[in-house]
Amino acid sequence: VTPELLAAVAEGHKAGRRLFVATTNLDASRGVVWNMGAIAVRGDEAALKLFRDIMLASTAIPGLFPPVLIDVEITGKPNKEMHADGGLSAQLYTAPETMLNSSSGYKLPATELYVVVNTGLSPEFQMTERSLLGVLGRTISVGVRSMMRVGVDRAAIIAKRSGIPFNIAYPALAQTDQQARGVFDSEFMKGLYELGVTRGRTGTPFVPDVSDALRAPPAPAGK
């Protein structure tokens, strides 16, 4: 995140575009959504540091990367809040939590909703490595996928309630049979990215129905 990137985000904000990044405040046990454009518009060194800290915190996966301490002011006194991966509180952000509840009549102020998911949605059978890191990695993977399925379902519901089209893209649409080797397989991620780019340019990157994505395949029978 360079000063030039900060200036570009600020210009986008002034033009009416919005960039939101989510983190989880571990001290308060709640999700926080940051208006990155509003921060970038300030344009000083403090804004650049805050922008970078939020980006780091938003990807601080528990157990793999350390949380980030962000400087805040509480009742006039300086303090530090501990922030980590926004996925701990919600895998997707479409609206404030209270507006997504089934009892809410809130409708999105949008004409369409597009969701890009960076993980598979259906449960997959895979033997878990019998080690501390293996179990931790598999636990995170299962939790992320389960929360994402709930998030996608809620996003589809609020789109329907708002009377707007819902569109989703996720890795299975890239039509690859390759499996990742470990939590961070850079070659797998690069290949998946290239497939996504190709699909975006030549195919139909989004589908309007999530039923197939959320349908769990049967697990292999034990002996």
C-alpha atoms as a PDB file:
ATOM      1  CA  VAL A   1       0.000   0.000   0.000  1.00  0.00           C
ATOM      2  CA  THR A   2       1.885   3.020  -1.318  1.00  0.00           C
ATOM      3  CA  PRO A   3       1.000   6.724  -1.080  1.00  0.00           C
ATOM      4  CA  GLU A   4       0.076   6.485  -4.766  1.00  0.00           C
ATOM      5  CA  LEU A   5      -2.416   3.686  -4.091  1.00  0.00           C
ATOM      6  CA  LEU A   6      -3.862   5.674  -1.195  1.00  0.00           C
ATOM      7  CA  ALA A   7      -4.348   8.667  -3.525  1.00  0.00           C
ATOM      8  CA  ALA A   8      -6.049   6.445  -6.130  1.00  0.00           C
ATOM      9  CA  VAL A   9      -8.483   5.092  -3.525  1.00  0.00           C
ATOM     10  CA  ALA A  10      -9.176   8.672  -2.399  1.00  0.00           C
ATOM     11  CA  GLU A  11     -10.005   9.716  -5.969  1.00  0.00           C
ATOM     12  CA  GLY A  12     -12.355   6.761  -6.328  1.00  0.00           C
ATOM     13  CA  HIS A  13     -14.072   7.738  -3.089  1.00  0.00           C
ATOM     14  CA  LYS A  14     -14.534  11.324  -4.280  1.00  0.00           C
ATOM     15  CA  ALA A  15     -16.076   9.965  -7.495  1.00  0.00           C
ATOM     16  CA  GLY A  16     -18.712   8.071  -5.485  1.00  0.00           C
ATOM     17  CA  ARG A  17     -17.145   4.602  -5.276  1.00  0.00           C
ATOM     18  CA  ARG A  18     -16.897   2.867  -1.907  1.00  0.00           C
ATOM     19  CA  LEU A  19     -14.284   0.413  -0.639  1.00  0.00           C
ATOM     20  CA  PHE A  20     -15.149  -1.400   2.596  1.00  0.00           C
ATOM     21  CA  VAL A  21     -12.817  -3.760   4.480  1.00  0.00           C
ATOM     22  CA  ALA A  22     -13.939  -5.884   7.425  1.00  0.00           C
ATOM     23  CA  THR A  23     -11.959  -6.836  10.515  1.00  0.00           C
ATOM     24  CA  THR A  24     -12.914  -8.436  13.827  1.00  0.00           C
ATOM     25  CA  ASN A  25     -12.357  -6.495  17.035  1.00  0.00           C
ATOM     26  CA  LEU A  26     -11.216  -9.307  19.337  1.00  0.00           C
ATOM     27  CA  ASP A  27     -11.552  -7.122  22.442  1.00  0.00           C
ATOM     28  CA  ALA A  28     -15.199  -6.283  21.696  1.00  0.00           C
ATOM     29  CA  SER A  29     -16.027  -9.641  20.028  1.00  0.00           C
ATOM     30  CA  ARG A  30     -17.662  -7.945  17.045  1.00  0.00           C
ATOM     31  CA  GLY A  31     -17.081  -7.240  13.387  1.00  0.00           C
ATOM     32  CA  VAL A  32     -15.992  -3.798  12.207  1.00  0.00           C
ATOM     33  CA  VAL A  33     -16.462  -2.435   8.677  1.00  0.00           C
ATOM     34  CA  TRP A  34     -14.002   0.289   7.656  1.00  0.00           C
ATOM     35  CA  ASN A  35     -14.682   2.904   4.973  1.00  0.00           C
ATOM     36  CA  MET A  36     -11.248   2.805   3.340  1.00  0.00           C
ATOM     37  CA  GLY A  37     -12.006   5.661   0.942  1.00  0.00           C
ATOM     38  CA  ALA A  38     -12.870   8.006   3.792  1.00  0.00           C
ATOM     39  CA  ILE A  39      -9.547   7.099   5.424  1.00  0.00           C
ATOM     40  CA  ALA A  40      -7.636   7.582   2.162  1.00  0.00           C
ATOM     41  CA  VAL A  41      -9.133  11.041   1.612  1.00  0.00           C
ATOM     42  CA  ARG A  42      -7.252  12.258   4.706  1.00  0.00           C
ATOM     43  CA  GLY A  43      -4.049  11.524   2.795  1.00  0.00           C
ATOM     44  CA  ASP A  44      -1.547  11.959   5.647  1.00  0.00           C
ATOM     45  CA  GLU A  45       0.949   9.542   7.213  1.00  0.00           C
ATOM     46  CA  ALA A  46      -1.540   8.551   9.917  1.00  0.00           C
ATOM     47  CA  ALA A  47      -4.093   7.632   7.219  1.00  0.00           C
ATOM     48  CA  LEU A  48      -1.494   5.567   5.350  1.00  0.00           C
ATOM     49  CA  LYS A  49      -0.554   3.680   8.539  1.00  0.00           C
ATOM     50  CA  LEU A  50      -4.212   3.043   9.440  1.00  0.00           C
ATOM     51  CA  PHE A  51      -4.964   1.840   5.902  1.00  0.00           C
ATOM     52  CA  ARG A  52      -2.060  -0.615   6.074  1.00  0.00           C
ATOM     53  CA  ASP A  53      -2.960  -1.783   9.597  1.00  0.00           C
ATOM     54  CA  ILE A  54      -6.553  -2.516   8.534  1.00  0.00           C
ATOM     55  CA  MET A  55      -5.396  -4.478   5.482  1.00  0.00           C
ATOM     56  CA  LEU A  56      -3.047  -6.530   7.657  1.00  0.00           C
ATOM     57  CA  ALA A  57      -5.695  -7.138  10.313  1.00  0.00           C
ATOM     58  CA  SER A  58      -8.325  -8.171   7.761  1.00  0.00           C
ATOM     59  CA  THR A  59      -6.113 -11.085   6.664  1.00  0.00           C
ATOM     60  CA  ALA A  60      -4.734 -12.058  10.081  1.00  0.00           C
ATOM     61  CA  ILE A  61      -5.980 -15.652  10.173  1.00  0.00           C
ATOM     62  CA  PRO A  62      -5.993 -16.889  13.798  1.00  0.00           C
ATOM     63  CA  GLY A  63      -3.162 -19.272  14.569  1.00  0.00           C
ATOM     64  CA  LEU A  64      -1.298 -18.404  11.377  1.00  0.00           C
ATOM     65  CA  PHE A  65      -0.764 -14.631  11.518  1.00  0.00           C
ATOM     66  CA  PRO A  66      -0.626 -12.299  14.530  1.00  0.00           C
ATOM     67  CA  PRO A  67      -3.506  -9.872  15.161  1.00  0.00           C
ATOM     68  CA  VAL A  68      -2.901  -6.156  14.643  1.00  0.00           C
ATOM     69  CA  LEU A  69      -3.102  -3.464  17.321  1.00  0.00           C
ATOM     70  CA  ILE A  70      -4.885  -0.377  15.963  1.00  0.00           C
ATOM     71  CA  ASP A  71      -4.596   2.993  17.705  1.00  0.00           C
ATOM     72  CA  VAL A  72      -7.965   4.400  18.801  1.00  0.00           C
ATOM     73  CA  GLU A  73      -9.310   6.997  21.194  1.00  0.00           C
ATOM     74  CA  ILE A  74     -11.837   5.993  23.862  1.00  0.00           C
ATOM     75  CA  THR A  75     -13.477   8.739  25.944  1.00  0.00           C
ATOM     76  CA  GLY A  76     -10.595  11.045  25.103  1.00  0.00           C
ATOM     77  CA  LYS A  77      -7.876   8.580  26.055  1.00  0.00           C
ATOM     78  CA  PRO A  78      -5.527   6.764  23.620  1.00  0.00           C
ATOM     79  CA  ASN A  79      -5.929   3.007  23.479  1.00  0.00           C
ATOM     80  CA  LYS A  80      -5.101   0.044  21.255  1.00  0.00           C
ATOM     81  CA  GLU A  81      -7.707  -2.354  19.878  1.00  0.00           C
ATOM     82  CA  MET A  82      -6.756  -5.852  18.780  1.00  0.00           C
ATOM     83  CA  HIS A  83      -8.123  -6.658  15.311  1.00  0.00           C
ATOM     84  CA  ALA A  84      -7.934  -9.860  13.272  1.00  0.00           C
ATOM     85  CA  ASP A  85      -9.476 -11.543  10.213  1.00  0.00           C
ATOM     86  CA  GLY A  86     -12.915 -10.136   9.412  1.00  0.00           C
ATOM     87  CA  GLY A  87     -14.049 -13.659   8.542  1.00  0.00           C
ATOM     88  CA  LEU A  88     -14.201 -14.486  12.238  1.00  0.00           C
ATOM     89  CA  SER A  89     -17.374 -12.423  12.535  1.00  0.00           C
ATOM     90  CA  ALA A  90     -18.753 -12.729   8.979  1.00  0.00           C
ATOM     91  CA  GLN A  91     -17.417 -14.236   5.762  1.00  0.00           C
ATOM     92  CA  LEU A  92     -19.424 -11.816   3.610  1.00  0.00           C
ATOM     93  CA  TYR A  93     -20.492  -8.221   4.095  1.00  0.00           C
ATOM     94  CA  THR A  94     -23.638  -7.092   2.310  1.00  0.00           C
ATOM     95  CA  ALA A  95     -25.265  -4.945   5.013  1.00  0.00           C
ATOM     96  CA  PRO A  96     -25.111  -4.374   8.777  1.00  0.00           C
ATOM     97  CA  GLU A  97     -25.899  -7.507  10.794  1.00  0.00           C
ATOM     98  CA  THR A  98     -29.202  -6.236  12.224  1.00  0.00           C
ATOM     99  CA  MET A  99     -30.468  -5.540   8.695  1.00  0.00           C
ATOM    100  CA  LEU A 100     -29.877  -9.138   7.599  1.00  0.00           C
ATOM    101  CA  ASN A 101     -32.048 -10.685  10.307  1.00  0.00           C
ATOM    102  CA  SER A 102     -35.197 -12.508   9.207  1.00  0.00           C
ATOM    103  CA  SER A 103     -37.282 -10.061  11.241  1.00  0.00           C
ATOM    104  CA  SER A 104     -35.873  -7.072   9.342  1.00  0.00           C
ATOM    105  CA  GLY A 105     -37.674  -5.544   6.384  1.00  0.00           C
ATOM    106  CA  TYR A 106     -34.519  -3.798   5.150  1.00  0.00           C
ATOM    107  CA  LYS A 107     -33.926  -3.752   1.392  1.00  0.00           C
ATOM    108  CA  LEU A 108     -30.547  -3.210  -0.233  1.00  0.00           C
ATOM    109  CA  PRO A 109     -30.207   0.149  -2.045  1.00  0.00           C
ATOM    110  CA  ALA A 110     -28.863  -1.619  -5.143  1.00  0.00           C
ATOM    111  CA  THR A 111     -30.007  -2.861  -8.544  1.00  0.00           C
ATOM    112  CA  GLU A 112     -27.988  -6.115  -8.449  1.00  0.00           C
ATOM    113  CA  LEU A 113     -25.863  -8.080  -5.989  1.00  0.00           C
ATOM    114  CA  TYR A 114     -22.643  -9.815  -7.072  1.00  0.00           C
ATOM    115  CA  VAL A 115     -20.744 -12.133  -4.723  1.00  0.00           C
ATOM    116  CA  VAL A 116     -17.273 -13.557  -5.385  1.00  0.00           C
ATOM    117  CA  VAL A 117     -16.322 -16.483  -3.131  1.00  0.00           C
ATOM    118  CA  ASN A 118     -12.652 -17.479  -2.851  1.00  0.00           C
ATOM    119  CA  THR A 119     -13.266 -20.956  -1.454  1.00  0.00           C
ATOM    120  CA  GLY A 120     -15.332 -24.004  -2.287  1.00  0.00           C
ATOM    121  CA  LEU A 121     -18.813 -24.101  -0.811  1.00  0.00           C
ATOM    122  CA  SER A 122     -19.640 -27.801  -0.705  1.00  0.00           C
ATOM    123  CA  PRO A 123     -18.076 -29.967   2.033  1.00  0.00           C
ATOM    124  CA  GLU A 124     -15.210 -32.109   0.759  1.00  0.00           C
ATOM    125  CA  PHE A 125     -13.901 -35.380   2.169  1.00  0.00           C
ATOM    126  CA  GLN A 126     -10.184 -35.168   2.875  1.00  0.00           C
ATOM    127  CA  MET A 127      -8.071 -37.117   5.338  1.00  0.00           C
ATOM    128  CA  THR A 128      -6.779 -34.671   7.942  1.00  0.00           C
ATOM    129  CA  GLU A 129      -3.069 -34.728   8.648  1.00  0.00           C
ATOM    130  CA  ARG A 130      -2.540 -36.089  12.165  1.00  0.00           C
ATOM    131  CA  SER A 131      -0.505 -33.167  13.504  1.00  0.00           C
ATOM    132  CA  LEU A 132      -1.144 -29.934  15.387  1.00  0.00           C
ATOM    133  CA  LEU A 133      -0.770 -27.757  12.272  1.00  0.00           C
ATOM    134  CA  GLY A 134      -2.740 -30.229  10.165  1.00  0.00           C
ATOM    135  CA  VAL A 135      -5.673 -30.274  12.582  1.00  0.00           C
ATOM    136  CA  LEU A 136      -5.546 -26.463  13.001  1.00  0.00           C
ATOM    137  CA  GLY A 137      -5.524 -25.903   9.245  1.00  0.00           C
ATOM    138  CA  ARG A 138      -8.368 -28.342   8.649  1.00  0.00           C
ATOM    139  CA  THR A 139     -10.401 -26.829  11.501  1.00  0.00           C
ATOM    140  CA  ILE A 140     -10.047 -23.338  10.019  1.00  0.00           C
ATOM    141  CA  SER A 141     -10.970 -24.650   6.574  1.00  0.00           C
ATOM    142  CA  VAL A 142     -14.127 -26.374   7.825  1.00  0.00           C
ATOM    143  CA  GLY A 143     -15.164 -23.315   9.854  1.00  0.00           C
ATOM    144  CA  VAL A 144     -14.573 -20.895   6.980  1.00  0.00           C
ATOM    145  CA  ARG A 145     -16.508 -23.034   4.516  1.00  0.00           C
ATOM    146  CA  SER A 146     -19.445 -23.491   6.886  1.00  0.00           C
ATOM    147  CA  MET A 147     -19.631 -19.758   7.676  1.00  0.00           C
ATOM    148  CA  MET A 148     -19.336 -18.908   3.988  1.00  0.00           C
ATOM    149  CA  ARG A 149     -22.259 -21.185   3.127  1.00  0.00           C
ATOM    150  CA  VAL A 150     -24.389 -19.372   5.717  1.00  0.00           C
ATOM    151  CA  GLY A 151     -23.203 -15.984   4.453  1.00  0.00           C
ATOM    152  CA  VAL A 152     -23.997 -16.809   0.826  1.00  0.00           C
ATOM    153  CA  ASP A 153     -27.431 -18.096   1.786  1.00  0.00           C
ATOM    154  CA  ARG A 154     -28.189 -14.898   3.739  1.00  0.00           C
ATOM    155  CA  ALA A 155     -26.955 -12.748   0.853  1.00  0.00           C
ATOM    156  CA  ALA A 156     -29.243 -14.606  -1.554  1.00  0.00           C
ATOM    157  CA  ILE A 157     -32.176 -14.163   0.831  1.00  0.00           C
ATOM    158  CA  ILE A 158     -31.689 -10.411   1.244  1.00  0.00           C
ATOM    159  CA  ALA A 159     -31.314 -10.023  -2.526  1.00  0.00           C
ATOM    160  CA  LYS A 160     -34.623 -11.826  -3.003  1.00  0.00           C
ATOM    161  CA  ARG A 161     -36.232  -9.688  -0.285  1.00  0.00           C
ATOM    162  CA  SER A 162     -34.888  -6.576  -2.010  1.00  0.00           C
ATOM    163  CA  GLY A 163     -36.251  -7.692  -5.373  1.00  0.00           C
ATOM    164  CA  ILE A 164     -32.853  -7.587  -7.096  1.00  0.00           C
ATOM    165  CA  PRO A 165     -30.903 -10.228  -9.081  1.00  0.00           C
ATOM    166  CA  PHE A 166     -28.331 -12.292  -7.158  1.00  0.00           C
ATOM    167  CA  ASN A 167     -25.133 -13.425  -8.902  1.00  0.00           C
ATOM    168  CA  ILE A 168     -22.334 -15.586  -7.513  1.00  0.00           C
ATOM    169  CA  ALA A 169     -18.947 -16.810  -8.684  1.00  0.00           C
ATOM    170  CA  TYR A 170     -16.920 -19.442  -6.838  1.00  0.00           C
ATOM    171  CA  PRO A 171     -13.951 -21.732  -7.631  1.00  0.00           C
ATOM    172  CA  ALA A 172     -16.052 -24.722  -8.695  1.00  0.00           C
ATOM    173  CA  LEU A 173     -17.189 -22.688 -11.701  1.00  0.00           C
ATOM    174  CA  ALA A 174     -13.590 -22.642 -12.930  1.00  0.00           C
ATOM    175  CA  GLN A 175     -13.917 -26.368 -13.696  1.00  0.00           C
ATOM    176  CA  THR A 176     -10.661 -27.571 -12.179  1.00  0.00           C
ATOM    177  CA  ASP A 177     -10.075 -30.987 -10.635  1.00  0.00           C
ATOM    178  CA  GLN A 178      -6.769 -29.978  -9.058  1.00  0.00           C
ATOM    179  CA  GLN A 179      -6.576 -30.139  -5.275  1.00  0.00           C
ATOM    180  CA  ALA A 180      -4.582 -27.774  -3.084  1.00  0.00           C
ATOM    181  CA  ARG A 181      -1.591 -29.223  -1.230  1.00  0.00           C
ATOM    182  CA  GLY A 182      -1.809 -27.632   2.186  1.00  0.00           C
ATOM    183  CA  VAL A 183      -3.254 -24.353   3.486  1.00  0.00           C
ATOM    184  CA  PHE A 184      -1.145 -22.102   1.235  1.00  0.00           C
ATOM    185  CA  ASP A 185      -0.383 -23.799  -2.088  1.00  0.00           C
ATOM    186  CA  SER A 186       0.850 -20.888  -4.218  1.00  0.00           C
ATOM    187  CA  GLU A 187       0.901 -22.885  -7.465  1.00  0.00           C
ATOM    188  CA  PHE A 188      -2.692 -24.040  -6.924  1.00  0.00           C
ATOM    189  CA  MET A 189      -3.809 -20.485  -6.125  1.00  0.00           C
ATOM    190  CA  LYS A 190      -2.056 -19.077  -9.217  1.00  0.00           C
ATOM    191  CA  GLY A 191      -3.653 -21.723 -11.424  1.00  0.00           C
ATOM    192  CA  LEU A 192      -7.082 -21.090  -9.946  1.00  0.00           C
ATOM    193  CA  TYR A 193      -6.640 -17.352 -10.455  1.00  0.00           C
ATOM    194  CA  GLU A 194      -5.749 -17.824 -14.128  1.00  0.00           C
ATOM    195  CA  LEU A 195      -8.793 -20.058 -14.630  1.00  0.00           C
ATOM    196  CA  GLY A 196     -10.946 -17.366 -13.064  1.00  0.00           C
ATOM    197  CA  VAL A 197      -9.491 -14.686 -15.351  1.00  0.00           C
ATOM    198  CA  THR A 198     -10.097 -16.869 -18.397  1.00  0.00           C
ATOM    199  CA  ARG A 199     -13.661 -17.592 -17.357  1.00  0.00           C
ATOM    200  CA  GLY A 200     -14.290 -13.907 -16.712  1.00  0.00           C
ATOM    201  CA  ARG A 201     -13.103 -12.997 -20.205  1.00  0.00           C
ATOM    202  CA  THR A 202     -14.612 -15.792 -22.247  1.00  0.00           C
ATOM    203  CA  GLY A 203     -17.396 -17.474 -20.305  1.00  0.00           C
ATOM    204  CA  THR A 204     -20.109 -16.662 -17.840  1.00  0.00           C
ATOM    205  CA  PRO A 205     -18.297 -15.981 -14.566  1.00  0.00           C
ATOM    206  CA  PHE A 206     -21.456 -15.615 -12.466  1.00  0.00           C
ATOM    207  CA  VAL A 207     -24.482 -17.862 -11.974  1.00  0.00           C
ATOM    208  CA  PRO A 208     -27.825 -16.776 -10.491  1.00  0.00           C
ATOM    209  CA  ASP A 209     -28.512 -19.913  -8.448  1.00  0.00           C
ATOM    210  CA  VAL A 210     -26.683 -21.098  -5.323  1.00  0.00           C
ATOM    211  CA  SER A 211     -28.620 -24.317  -4.768  1.00  0.00           C
ATOM    212  CA  ASP A 212     -25.976 -26.525  -6.421  1.00  0.00           C
ATOM    213  CA  ALA A 213     -23.174 -24.761  -4.548  1.00  0.00           C
ATOM    214  CA  LEU A 214     -24.852 -25.252  -1.171  1.00  0.00           C
ATOM    215  CA  ARG A 215     -25.867 -28.868  -1.739  1.00  0.00           C
ATOM    216  CA  ALA A 216     -23.567 -31.149   0.248  1.00  0.00           C
ATOM    217  CA  PRO A 217     -22.353 -34.305  -1.539  1.00  0.00           C
ATOM    218  CA  PRO A 218     -22.574 -37.586   0.377  1.00  0.00           C
ATOM    219  CA  ALA A 219     -19.497 -38.481   2.408  1.00  0.00           C
ATOM    220  CA  PRO A 220     -17.647 -41.756   1.612  1.00  0.00           C
ATOM    221  CA  ALA A 221     -19.030 -44.663   3.587  1.00  0.00           C
ATOM    222  CA  GLY A 222     -16.748 -46.055   6.278  1.00  0.00           C
ATOM    223  CA  LYS A 223     -15.811 -49.732   6.497  1.00  0.00           C
END
